[in-house]
ModelCIF file with pLDDT and N, C-alpha, C, O atoms, coordinates in Angstrom:
data_MODEL
#
_entry.id   MODEL 
#
_entity.id                         1 
_entity.type                       polymer 
_entity.pdbx_number_of_molecules   1 
#
_entity_poly.entity_id                      1 
_entity_poly.type                           'polypeptide(L)' 
_entity_poly.nstd_linkage                   no 
_entity_poly.nstd_monomer                   no 
_entity_poly.pdbx_seq_one_letter_code       
;(UNK)(UNK)(UNK)(UNK)(UNK)(UNK)(UNK)(UNK)(UNK)(UNK)(UNK)(UNK)(UNK)(UNK)(UNK)(UNK)
(UNK)(UNK)(UNK)(UNK)(UNK)(UNK)(UNK)(UNK)(UNK)(UNK)(UNK)(UNK)(UNK)(UNK)(UNK)(UNK)
(UNK)(UNK)(UNK)(UNK)(UNK)(UNK)(UNK)(UNK)(UNK)(UNK)(UNK)(UNK)(UNK)(UNK)
;
_entity_poly.pdbx_seq_one_letter_code_can   XXXXXXXXXXXXXXXXXXXXXXXXXXXXXXXXXXXXXXXXXXXXXX 
_entity_poly.pdbx_strand_id                 A 
#
loop_
_entity_poly_seq.entity_id 
_entity_poly_seq.num 
_entity_poly_seq.mon_id 
_entity_poly_seq.hetero 
1 1  UNK n 
1 2  UNK n 
1 3  UNK n 
1 4  UNK n 
1 5  UNK n 
1 6  UNK n 
1 7  UNK n 
1 8  UNK n 
1 9  UNK n 
1 10 UNK n 
1 11 UNK n 
1 12 UNK n 
1 13 UNK n 
1 14 UNK n 
1 15 UNK n 
1 16 UNK n 
1 17 UNK n 
1 18 UNK n 
1 19 UNK n 
1 20 UNK n 
1 21 UNK n 
1 22 UNK n 
1 23 UNK n 
1 24 UNK n 
1 25 UNK n 
1 26 UNK n 
1 27 UNK n 
1 28 UNK n 
1 29 UNK n 
1 30 UNK n 
1 31 UNK n 
1 32 UNK n 
1 33 UNK n 
1 34 UNK n 
1 35 UNK n 
1 36 UNK n 
1 37 UNK n 
1 38 UNK n 
1 39 UNK n 
1 40 UNK n 
1 41 UNK n 
1 42 UNK n 
1 43 UNK n 
1 44 UNK n 
1 45 UNK n 
1 46 UNK n 
#
_struct_asym.id          A 
_struct_asym.entity_id   1 
#
loop_
_ma_qa_metric.id 
_ma_qa_metric.mode 
_ma_qa_metric.name 
_ma_qa_metric.software_group_id 
_ma_qa_metric.type 
1 global pLDDT . pLDDT 
2 local  pLDDT . pLDDT 
#
_ma_qa_metric_global.metric_id      1 
_ma_qa_metric_global.metric_value   85.00 
_ma_qa_metric_global.model_id       1 
_ma_qa_metric_global.ordinal_id     1 
#
loop_
_ma_qa_metric_local.label_asym_id 
_ma_qa_metric_local.label_comp_id 
_ma_qa_metric_local.label_seq_id 
_ma_qa_metric_local.metric_id 
_ma_qa_metric_local.metric_value 
_ma_qa_metric_local.model_id 
_ma_qa_metric_local.ordinal_id 
A UNK 1  2 88.00 1 1  
A UNK 2  2 88.00 1 2  
A UNK 3  2 92.00 1 3  
A UNK 4  2 93.00 1 4  
A UNK 5  2 94.00 1 5  
A UNK 6  2 92.00 1 6  
A UNK 7  2 93.00 1 7  
A UNK 8  2 95.00 1 8  
A UNK 9  2 95.00 1 9  
A UNK 10 2 93.00 1 10 
A UNK 11 2 95.00 1 11 
A UNK 12 2 96.00 1 12 
A UNK 13 2 96.00 1 13 
A UNK 14 2 95.00 1 14 
A UNK 15 2 96.00 1 15 
A UNK 16 2 97.00 1 16 
A UNK 17 2 97.00 1 17 
A UNK 18 2 96.00 1 18 
A UNK 19 2 97.00 1 19 
A UNK 20 2 96.00 1 20 
A UNK 21 2 96.00 1 21 
A UNK 22 2 96.00 1 22 
A UNK 23 2 95.00 1 23 
A UNK 24 2 94.00 1 24 
A UNK 25 2 95.00 1 25 
A UNK 26 2 97.00 1 26 
A UNK 27 2 96.00 1 27 
A UNK 28 2 97.00 1 28 
A UNK 29 2 97.00 1 29 
A UNK 30 2 97.00 1 30 
A UNK 31 2 97.00 1 31 
A UNK 32 2 96.00 1 32 
A UNK 33 2 95.00 1 33 
A UNK 34 2 93.00 1 34 
A UNK 35 2 86.00 1 35 
A UNK 36 2 79.00 1 36 
A UNK 37 2 70.00 1 37 
A UNK 38 2 67.00 1 38 
A UNK 39 2 62.00 1 39 
A UNK 40 2 55.00 1 40 
A UNK 41 2 50.00 1 41 
A UNK 42 2 48.00 1 42 
A UNK 43 2 39.00 1 43 
A UNK 44 2 44.00 1 44 
A UNK 45 2 42.00 1 45 
A UNK 46 2 43.00 1 46 
#
loop_
_atom_site.group_PDB 
_atom_site.id 
_atom_site.type_symbol 
_atom_site.label_atom_id 
_atom_site.label_alt_id 
_atom_site.label_comp_id 
_atom_site.label_asym_id 
_atom_site.label_entity_id 
_atom_site.label_seq_id 
_atom_site.pdbx_PDB_ins_code 
_atom_site.Cartn_x 
_atom_site.Cartn_y 
_atom_site.Cartn_z 
_atom_site.occupancy 
_atom_site.B_iso_or_equiv 
_atom_site.pdbx_formal_charge 
_atom_site.auth_seq_id 
_atom_site.auth_comp_id 
_atom_site.auth_asym_id 
_atom_site.auth_atom_id 
_atom_site.pdbx_PDB_model_num 
ATOM 1   N N  . UNK A 1 1  ? -9.300 -16.326 8.841  1.00 88.00 ? 1  UNK A N  1 
ATOM 2   C CA . UNK A 1 1  ? -9.209 -17.405 9.815  1.00 88.00 ? 1  UNK A CA 1 
ATOM 3   C C  . UNK A 1 1  ? -7.814 -17.663 10.359 1.00 88.00 ? 1  UNK A C  1 
ATOM 4   O O  . UNK A 1 1  ? -7.643 -18.553 11.192 1.00 88.00 ? 1  UNK A O  1 
ATOM 5   N N  . UNK A 1 2  ? -6.811 -16.912 9.915  1.00 88.00 ? 2  UNK A N  1 
ATOM 6   C CA . UNK A 1 2  ? -5.451 -17.128 10.418 1.00 88.00 ? 2  UNK A CA 1 
ATOM 7   C C  . UNK A 1 2  ? -5.143 -16.132 11.530 1.00 88.00 ? 2  UNK A C  1 
ATOM 8   O O  . UNK A 1 2  ? -5.786 -15.088 11.645 1.00 88.00 ? 2  UNK A O  1 
ATOM 9   N N  . UNK A 1 3  ? -4.150 -16.474 12.344 1.00 92.00 ? 3  UNK A N  1 
ATOM 10  C CA . UNK A 1 3  ? -3.766 -15.529 13.397 1.00 92.00 ? 3  UNK A CA 1 
ATOM 11  C C  . UNK A 1 3  ? -2.524 -14.766 12.935 1.00 92.00 ? 3  UNK A C  1 
ATOM 12  O O  . UNK A 1 3  ? -1.709 -15.285 12.173 1.00 92.00 ? 3  UNK A O  1 
ATOM 13  N N  . UNK A 1 4  ? -2.397 -13.542 13.405 1.00 93.00 ? 4  UNK A N  1 
ATOM 14  C CA . UNK A 1 4  ? -1.354 -12.646 12.924 1.00 93.00 ? 4  UNK A CA 1 
ATOM 15  C C  . UNK A 1 4  ? 0.036  -13.153 13.268 1.00 93.00 ? 4  UNK A C  1 
ATOM 16  O O  . UNK A 1 4  ? 0.969  -12.924 12.498 1.00 93.00 ? 4  UNK A O  1 
ATOM 17  N N  . UNK A 1 5  ? 0.208  -13.834 14.397 1.00 94.00 ? 5  UNK A N  1 
ATOM 18  C CA . UNK A 1 5  ? 1.520  -14.350 14.766 1.00 94.00 ? 5  UNK A CA 1 
ATOM 19  C C  . UNK A 1 5  ? 2.000  -15.369 13.729 1.00 94.00 ? 5  UNK A C  1 
ATOM 20  O O  . UNK A 1 5  ? 3.163  -15.344 13.324 1.00 94.00 ? 5  UNK A O  1 
ATOM 21  N N  . UNK A 1 6  ? 1.125  -16.245 13.308 1.00 92.00 ? 6  UNK A N  1 
ATOM 22  C CA . UNK A 1 6  ? 1.469  -17.222 12.277 1.00 92.00 ? 6  UNK A CA 1 
ATOM 23  C C  . UNK A 1 6  ? 1.736  -16.529 10.950 1.00 92.00 ? 6  UNK A C  1 
ATOM 24  O O  . UNK A 1 6  ? 2.652  -16.911 10.221 1.00 92.00 ? 6  UNK A O  1 
ATOM 25  N N  . UNK A 1 7  ? 0.944  -15.519 10.636 1.00 93.00 ? 7  UNK A N  1 
ATOM 26  C CA . UNK A 1 7  ? 1.066  -14.836 9.347  1.00 93.00 ? 7  UNK A CA 1 
ATOM 27  C C  . UNK A 1 7  ? 2.395  -14.104 9.195  1.00 93.00 ? 7  UNK A C  1 
ATOM 28  O O  . UNK A 1 7  ? 3.030  -14.210 8.146  1.00 93.00 ? 7  UNK A O  1 
ATOM 29  N N  . UNK A 1 8  ? 2.835  -13.356 10.224 1.00 95.00 ? 8  UNK A N  1 
ATOM 30  C CA . UNK A 1 8  ? 4.091  -12.619 10.046 1.00 95.00 ? 8  UNK A CA 1 
ATOM 31  C C  . UNK A 1 8  ? 5.258  -13.584 9.949  1.00 95.00 ? 8  UNK A C  1 
ATOM 32  O O  . UNK A 1 8  ? 6.212  -13.333 9.213  1.00 95.00 ? 8  UNK A O  1 
ATOM 33  N N  . UNK A 1 9  ? 5.193  -14.692 10.688 1.00 95.00 ? 9  UNK A N  1 
ATOM 34  C CA . UNK A 1 9  ? 6.271  -15.690 10.614 1.00 95.00 ? 9  UNK A CA 1 
ATOM 35  C C  . UNK A 1 9  ? 6.298  -16.365 9.238  1.00 95.00 ? 9  UNK A C  1 
ATOM 36  O O  . UNK A 1 9  ? 7.368  -16.641 8.694  1.00 95.00 ? 9  UNK A O  1 
ATOM 37  N N  . UNK A 1 10 ? 5.129  -16.623 8.692  1.00 93.00 ? 10 UNK A N  1 
ATOM 38  C CA . UNK A 1 10 ? 5.021  -17.220 7.362  1.00 93.00 ? 10 UNK A CA 1 
ATOM 39  C C  . UNK A 1 10 ? 5.572  -16.256 6.315  1.00 93.00 ? 10 UNK A C  1 
ATOM 40  O O  . UNK A 1 10 ? 6.271  -16.667 5.388  1.00 93.00 ? 10 UNK A O  1 
ATOM 41  N N  . UNK A 1 11 ? 5.254  -14.978 6.468  1.00 95.00 ? 11 UNK A N  1 
ATOM 42  C CA . UNK A 1 11 ? 5.760  -13.946 5.569  1.00 95.00 ? 11 UNK A CA 1 
ATOM 43  C C  . UNK A 1 11 ? 7.280  -13.884 5.637  1.00 95.00 ? 11 UNK A C  1 
ATOM 44  O O  . UNK A 1 11 ? 7.946  -13.786 4.606  1.00 95.00 ? 11 UNK A O  1 
ATOM 45  N N  . UNK A 1 12 ? 7.827  -13.940 6.836  1.00 96.00 ? 12 UNK A N  1 
ATOM 46  C CA . UNK A 1 12 ? 9.285  -13.910 7.013  1.00 96.00 ? 12 UNK A CA 1 
ATOM 47  C C  . UNK A 1 12 ? 9.937  -15.126 6.361  1.00 96.00 ? 12 UNK A C  1 
ATOM 48  O O  . UNK A 1 12 ? 10.900 -14.989 5.607  1.00 96.00 ? 12 UNK A O  1 
ATOM 49  N N  . UNK A 1 13 ? 9.414  -16.307 6.651  1.00 96.00 ? 13 UNK A N  1 
ATOM 50  C CA . UNK A 1 13 ? 9.989  -17.517 6.072  1.00 96.00 ? 13 UNK A CA 1 
ATOM 51  C C  . UNK A 1 13 ? 9.922  -17.486 4.541  1.00 96.00 ? 13 UNK A C  1 
ATOM 52  O O  . UNK A 1 13 ? 10.863 -17.899 3.863  1.00 96.00 ? 13 UNK A O  1 
ATOM 53  N N  . UNK A 1 14 ? 8.825  -17.004 4.018  1.00 95.00 ? 14 UNK A N  1 
ATOM 54  C CA . UNK A 1 14 ? 8.636  -16.948 2.567  1.00 95.00 ? 14 UNK A CA 1 
ATOM 55  C C  . UNK A 1 14 ? 9.630  -15.987 1.910  1.00 95.00 ? 14 UNK A C  1 
ATOM 56  O O  . UNK A 1 14 ? 9.978  -16.165 0.743  1.00 95.00 ? 14 UNK A O  1 
ATOM 57  N N  . UNK A 1 15 ? 10.092 -14.968 2.647  1.00 96.00 ? 15 UNK A N  1 
ATOM 58  C CA . UNK A 1 15 ? 10.983 -13.931 2.117  1.00 96.00 ? 15 UNK A CA 1 
ATOM 59  C C  . UNK A 1 15 ? 12.336 -13.901 2.805  1.00 96.00 ? 15 UNK A C  1 
ATOM 60  O O  . UNK A 1 15 ? 13.029 -12.885 2.764  1.00 96.00 ? 15 UNK A O  1 
ATOM 61  N N  . UNK A 1 16 ? 12.718 -14.995 3.435  1.00 97.00 ? 16 UNK A N  1 
ATOM 62  C CA . UNK A 1 16 ? 13.956 -15.006 4.213  1.00 97.00 ? 16 UNK A CA 1 
ATOM 63  C C  . UNK A 1 16 ? 15.176 -14.698 3.349  1.00 97.00 ? 16 UNK A C  1 
ATOM 64  O O  . UNK A 1 16 ? 16.156 -14.148 3.851  1.00 97.00 ? 16 UNK A O  1 
ATOM 65  N N  . UNK A 1 17 ? 15.138 -15.040 2.068  1.00 97.00 ? 17 UNK A N  1 
ATOM 66  C CA . UNK A 1 17 ? 16.262 -14.722 1.190  1.00 97.00 ? 17 UNK A CA 1 
ATOM 67  C C  . UNK A 1 17 ? 16.418 -13.211 0.993  1.00 97.00 ? 17 UNK A C  1 
ATOM 68  O O  . UNK A 1 17 ? 17.514 -12.745 0.680  1.00 97.00 ? 17 UNK A O  1 
ATOM 69  N N  . UNK A 1 18 ? 15.350 -12.447 1.168  1.00 96.00 ? 18 UNK A N  1 
ATOM 70  C CA . UNK A 1 18 ? 15.394 -10.990 1.049  1.00 96.00 ? 18 UNK A CA 1 
ATOM 71  C C  . UNK A 1 18 ? 15.650 -10.359 2.412  1.00 96.00 ? 18 UNK A C  1 
ATOM 72  O O  . UNK A 1 18 ? 16.461 -9.440  2.531  1.00 96.00 ? 18 UNK A O  1 
ATOM 73  N N  . UNK A 1 19 ? 14.961 -10.850 3.442  1.00 97.00 ? 19 UNK A N  1 
ATOM 74  C CA . UNK A 1 19 ? 15.007 -10.252 4.782  1.00 97.00 ? 19 UNK A CA 1 
ATOM 75  C C  . UNK A 1 19 ? 16.244 -10.670 5.557  1.00 97.00 ? 19 UNK A C  1 
ATOM 76  O O  . UNK A 1 19 ? 16.855 -9.850  6.242  1.00 97.00 ? 19 UNK A O  1 
ATOM 77  N N  . UNK A 1 20 ? 16.618 -11.934 5.456  1.00 96.00 ? 20 UNK A N  1 
ATOM 78  C CA . UNK A 1 20 ? 17.739 -12.447 6.235  1.00 96.00 ? 20 UNK A CA 1 
ATOM 79  C C  . UNK A 1 20 ? 17.260 -13.050 7.541  1.00 96.00 ? 20 UNK A C  1 
ATOM 80  O O  . UNK A 1 20 ? 16.084 -13.380 7.691  1.00 96.00 ? 20 UNK A O  1 
ATOM 81  N N  . UNK A 1 21 ? 18.177 -13.190 8.483  1.00 96.00 ? 21 UNK A N  1 
ATOM 82  C CA . UNK A 1 21 ? 17.898 -13.883 9.736  1.00 96.00 ? 21 UNK A CA 1 
ATOM 83  C C  . UNK A 1 21 ? 17.184 -13.034 10.788 1.00 96.00 ? 21 UNK A C  1 
ATOM 84  O O  . UNK A 1 21 ? 16.693 -13.578 11.777 1.00 96.00 ? 21 UNK A O  1 
ATOM 85  N N  . UNK A 1 22 ? 17.117 -11.728 10.601 1.00 96.00 ? 22 UNK A N  1 
ATOM 86  C CA . UNK A 1 22 ? 16.500 -10.847 11.594 1.00 96.00 ? 22 UNK A CA 1 
ATOM 87  C C  . UNK A 1 22 ? 15.177 -10.291 11.062 1.00 96.00 ? 22 UNK A C  1 
ATOM 88  O O  . UNK A 1 22 ? 15.178 -9.364  10.251 1.00 96.00 ? 22 UNK A O  1 
ATOM 89  N N  . UNK A 1 23 ? 14.045 -10.851 11.513 1.00 95.00 ? 23 UNK A N  1 
ATOM 90  C CA . UNK A 1 23 ? 12.754 -10.393 10.986 1.00 95.00 ? 23 UNK A CA 1 
ATOM 91  C C  . UNK A 1 23 ? 12.404 -8.965  11.394 1.00 95.00 ? 23 UNK A C  1 
ATOM 92  O O  . UNK A 1 23 ? 11.475 -8.379  10.838 1.00 95.00 ? 23 UNK A O  1 
ATOM 93  N N  . UNK A 1 24 ? 13.128 -8.401  12.350 1.00 94.00 ? 24 UNK A N  1 
ATOM 94  C CA . UNK A 1 24 ? 12.871 -7.016  12.745 1.00 94.00 ? 24 UNK A CA 1 
ATOM 95  C C  . UNK A 1 24 ? 13.585 -6.019  11.837 1.00 94.00 ? 24 UNK A C  1 
ATOM 96  O O  . UNK A 1 24 ? 13.371 -4.812  11.945 1.00 94.00 ? 24 UNK A O  1 
ATOM 97  N N  . UNK A 1 25 ? 14.430 -6.523  10.948 1.00 95.00 ? 25 UNK A N  1 
ATOM 98  C CA . UNK A 1 25 ? 15.213 -5.639  10.098 1.00 95.00 ? 25 UNK A CA 1 
ATOM 99  C C  . UNK A 1 25 ? 14.753 -5.758  8.651  1.00 95.00 ? 25 UNK A C  1 
ATOM 100 O O  . UNK A 1 25 ? 15.323 -6.507  7.857  1.00 95.00 ? 25 UNK A O  1 
ATOM 101 N N  . UNK A 1 26 ? 13.708 -5.000  8.330  1.00 97.00 ? 26 UNK A N  1 
ATOM 102 C CA . UNK A 1 26 ? 13.290 -4.876  6.936  1.00 97.00 ? 26 UNK A CA 1 
ATOM 103 C C  . UNK A 1 26 ? 13.529 -3.422  6.550  1.00 97.00 ? 26 UNK A C  1 
ATOM 104 O O  . UNK A 1 26 ? 13.427 -2.517  7.378  1.00 97.00 ? 26 UNK A O  1 
ATOM 105 N N  . UNK A 1 27 ? 13.844 -3.221  5.302  1.00 96.00 ? 27 UNK A N  1 
ATOM 106 C CA . UNK A 1 27 ? 14.259 -1.896  4.849  1.00 96.00 ? 27 UNK A CA 1 
ATOM 107 C C  . UNK A 1 27 ? 13.325 -1.350  3.781  1.00 96.00 ? 27 UNK A C  1 
ATOM 108 O O  . UNK A 1 27 ? 12.849 -2.096  2.926  1.00 96.00 ? 27 UNK A O  1 
ATOM 109 N N  . UNK A 1 28 ? 13.060 -0.029  3.829  1.00 97.00 ? 28 UNK A N  1 
ATOM 110 C CA . UNK A 1 28 ? 12.245 0.570   2.774  1.00 97.00 ? 28 UNK A CA 1 
ATOM 111 C C  . UNK A 1 28 ? 12.834 0.243   1.399  1.00 97.00 ? 28 UNK A C  1 
ATOM 112 O O  . UNK A 1 28 ? 14.046 0.300   1.188  1.00 97.00 ? 28 UNK A O  1 
ATOM 113 N N  . UNK A 1 29 ? 11.946 -0.096  0.485  1.00 97.00 ? 29 UNK A N  1 
ATOM 114 C CA . UNK A 1 29 ? 12.355 -0.426  -0.866 1.00 97.00 ? 29 UNK A CA 1 
ATOM 115 C C  . UNK A 1 29 ? 12.491 -1.918  -1.124 1.00 97.00 ? 29 UNK A C  1 
ATOM 116 O O  . UNK A 1 29 ? 12.498 -2.342  -2.280 1.00 97.00 ? 29 UNK A O  1 
ATOM 117 N N  . UNK A 1 30 ? 12.599 -2.731  -0.058 1.00 97.00 ? 30 UNK A N  1 
ATOM 118 C CA . UNK A 1 30 ? 12.663 -4.175  -0.268 1.00 97.00 ? 30 UNK A CA 1 
ATOM 119 C C  . UNK A 1 30 ? 11.330 -4.646  -0.848 1.00 97.00 ? 30 UNK A C  1 
ATOM 120 O O  . UNK A 1 30 ? 10.264 -4.193  -0.429 1.00 97.00 ? 30 UNK A O  1 
ATOM 121 N N  . UNK A 1 31 ? 11.402 -5.550  -1.803 1.00 97.00 ? 31 UNK A N  1 
ATOM 122 C CA . UNK A 1 31 ? 10.197 -6.114  -2.420 1.00 97.00 ? 31 UNK A CA 1 
ATOM 123 C C  . UNK A 1 31 ? 9.963  -7.485  -1.806 1.00 97.00 ? 31 UNK A C  1 
ATOM 124 O O  . UNK A 1 31 ? 10.754 -8.408  -1.996 1.00 97.00 ? 31 UNK A O  1 
ATOM 125 N N  . UNK A 1 32 ? 8.856  -7.606  -1.063 1.00 96.00 ? 32 UNK A N  1 
ATOM 126 C CA . UNK A 1 32 ? 8.506  -8.863  -0.422 1.00 96.00 ? 32 UNK A CA 1 
ATOM 127 C C  . UNK A 1 32 ? 7.381  -9.533  -1.191 1.00 96.00 ? 32 UNK A C  1 
ATOM 128 O O  . UNK A 1 32 ? 6.472  -8.872  -1.693 1.00 96.00 ? 32 UNK A O  1 
ATOM 129 N N  . UNK A 1 33 ? 7.454  -10.821 -1.274 1.00 95.00 ? 33 UNK A N  1 
ATOM 130 C CA . UNK A 1 33 ? 6.416  -11.614 -1.922 1.00 95.00 ? 33 UNK A CA 1 
ATOM 131 C C  . UNK A 1 33 ? 5.434  -12.063 -0.839 1.00 95.00 ? 33 UNK A C  1 
ATOM 132 O O  . UNK A 1 33 ? 5.828  -12.681 0.150  1.00 95.00 ? 33 UNK A O  1 
ATOM 133 N N  . UNK A 1 34 ? 4.163  -11.748 -1.035 1.00 93.00 ? 34 UNK A N  1 
ATOM 134 C CA . UNK A 1 34 ? 3.122  -12.154 -0.085 1.00 93.00 ? 34 UNK A CA 1 
ATOM 135 C C  . UNK A 1 34 ? 2.626  -13.524 -0.527 1.00 93.00 ? 34 UNK A C  1 
ATOM 136 O O  . UNK A 1 34 ? 2.044  -13.656 -1.603 1.00 93.00 ? 34 UNK A O  1 
ATOM 137 N N  . UNK A 1 35 ? 2.856  -14.557 0.309  1.00 86.00 ? 35 UNK A N  1 
ATOM 138 C CA . UNK A 1 35 ? 2.433  -15.898 -0.101 1.00 86.00 ? 35 UNK A CA 1 
ATOM 139 C C  . UNK A 1 35 ? 0.916  -16.015 -0.137 1.00 86.00 ? 35 UNK A C  1 
ATOM 140 O O  . UNK A 1 35 ? 0.213  -15.397 0.662  1.00 86.00 ? 35 UNK A O  1 
ATOM 141 N N  . UNK A 1 36 ? 0.425  -16.814 -1.073 1.00 79.00 ? 36 UNK A N  1 
ATOM 142 C CA . UNK A 1 36 ? -1.004 -17.092 -1.133 1.00 79.00 ? 36 UNK A CA 1 
ATOM 143 C C  . UNK A 1 36 ? -1.411 -17.959 0.050  1.00 79.00 ? 36 UNK A C  1 
ATOM 144 O O  . UNK A 1 36 ? -0.548 -18.490 0.750  1.00 79.00 ? 36 UNK A O  1 
ATOM 145 N N  . UNK A 1 37 ? -2.691 -18.108 0.280  1.00 70.00 ? 37 UNK A N  1 
ATOM 146 C CA . UNK A 1 37 ? -3.167 -18.864 1.444  1.00 70.00 ? 37 UNK A CA 1 
ATOM 147 C C  . UNK A 1 37 ? -2.771 -20.332 1.413  1.00 70.00 ? 37 UNK A C  1 
ATOM 148 O O  . UNK A 1 37 ? -2.759 -20.979 2.461  1.00 70.00 ? 37 UNK A O  1 
ATOM 149 N N  . UNK A 1 38 ? -2.446 -20.881 0.241  1.00 67.00 ? 38 UNK A N  1 
ATOM 150 C CA . UNK A 1 38 ? -2.075 -22.290 0.147  1.00 67.00 ? 38 UNK A CA 1 
ATOM 151 C C  . UNK A 1 38 ? -0.579 -22.515 0.231  1.00 67.00 ? 38 UNK A C  1 
ATOM 152 O O  . UNK A 1 38 ? -0.135 -23.663 0.238  1.00 67.00 ? 38 UNK A O  1 
ATOM 153 N N  . UNK A 1 39 ? 0.216  -21.446 0.297  1.00 62.00 ? 39 UNK A N  1 
ATOM 154 C CA . UNK A 1 39 ? 1.668  -21.591 0.390  1.00 62.00 ? 39 UNK A CA 1 
ATOM 155 C C  . UNK A 1 39 ? 2.039  -21.868 1.837  1.00 62.00 ? 39 UNK A C  1 
ATOM 156 O O  . UNK A 1 39 ? 1.632  -21.140 2.742  1.00 62.00 ? 39 UNK A O  1 
ATOM 157 N N  . UNK A 1 40 ? 2.811  -22.920 2.047  1.00 55.00 ? 40 UNK A N  1 
ATOM 158 C CA . UNK A 1 40 ? 3.214  -23.302 3.405  1.00 55.00 ? 40 UNK A CA 1 
ATOM 159 C C  . UNK A 1 40 ? 4.718  -23.464 3.460  1.00 55.00 ? 40 UNK A C  1 
ATOM 160 O O  . UNK A 1 40 ? 5.230  -24.538 3.144  1.00 55.00 ? 40 UNK A O  1 
ATOM 161 N N  . UNK A 1 41 ? 5.460  -22.400 3.862  1.00 50.00 ? 41 UNK A N  1 
ATOM 162 C CA . UNK A 1 41 ? 6.904  -22.529 3.982  1.00 50.00 ? 41 UNK A CA 1 
ATOM 163 C C  . UNK A 1 41 ? 7.263  -23.601 5.018  1.00 50.00 ? 41 UNK A C  1 
ATOM 164 O O  . UNK A 1 41 ? 6.414  -24.046 5.790  1.00 50.00 ? 41 UNK A O  1 
ATOM 165 N N  . UNK A 1 42 ? 8.509  -23.995 5.017  1.00 48.00 ? 42 UNK A N  1 
ATOM 166 C CA . UNK A 1 42 ? 9.002  -25.013 5.962  1.00 48.00 ? 42 UNK A CA 1 
ATOM 167 C C  . UNK A 1 42 ? 8.677  -24.632 7.395  1.00 48.00 ? 42 UNK A C  1 
ATOM 168 O O  . UNK A 1 42 ? 8.268  -23.504 7.668  1.00 48.00 ? 42 UNK A O  1 
ATOM 169 N N  . UNK A 1 43 ? 8.856  -25.550 8.285  1.00 39.00 ? 43 UNK A N  1 
ATOM 170 C CA . UNK A 1 43 ? 8.517  -25.351 9.698  1.00 39.00 ? 43 UNK A CA 1 
ATOM 171 C C  . UNK A 1 43 ? 8.965  -23.992 10.210 1.00 39.00 ? 43 UNK A C  1 
ATOM 172 O O  . UNK A 1 43 ? 10.066 -23.532 9.910  1.00 39.00 ? 43 UNK A O  1 
ATOM 173 N N  . UNK A 1 44 ? 8.111  -23.367 10.974 1.00 44.00 ? 44 UNK A N  1 
ATOM 174 C CA . UNK A 1 44 ? 8.408  -22.101 11.610 1.00 44.00 ? 44 UNK A CA 1 
ATOM 175 C C  . UNK A 1 44 ? 8.607  -22.400 13.090 1.00 44.00 ? 44 UNK A C  1 
ATOM 176 O O  . UNK A 1 44 ? 7.664  -22.747 13.801 1.00 44.00 ? 44 UNK A O  1 
ATOM 177 N N  . UNK A 1 45 ? 9.843  -22.259 13.538 1.00 42.00 ? 45 UNK A N  1 
ATOM 178 C CA . UNK A 1 45 ? 10.155 -22.652 14.917 1.00 42.00 ? 45 UNK A CA 1 
ATOM 179 C C  . UNK A 1 45 ? 10.508 -21.428 15.752 1.00 42.00 ? 45 UNK A C  1 
ATOM 180 O O  . UNK A 1 45 ? 11.170 -20.507 15.273 1.00 42.00 ? 45 UNK A O  1 
ATOM 181 N N  . UNK A 1 46 ? 10.065 -21.427 16.990 1.00 43.00 ? 46 UNK A N  1 
ATOM 182 C CA . UNK A 1 46 ? 10.498 -20.465 17.991 1.00 43.00 ? 46 UNK A CA 1 
ATOM 183 C C  . UNK A 1 46 ? 10.239 -19.025 17.647 1.00 43.00 ? 46 UNK A C  1 
ATOM 184 O O  . UNK A 1 46 ? 10.569 -18.134 18.430 1.00 43.00 ? 46 UNK A O  1 
#
């Protein structure tokens, strides 16, 4: 029931400490945590 635009932004916010400020720059080998459906990171803007 979620839309992909919201999901990738939620994934980025949840892993911002690993990914950094540029969501287009993820690197092979980085371990990302996939948030559960009830996890709601802080506001996702712009």
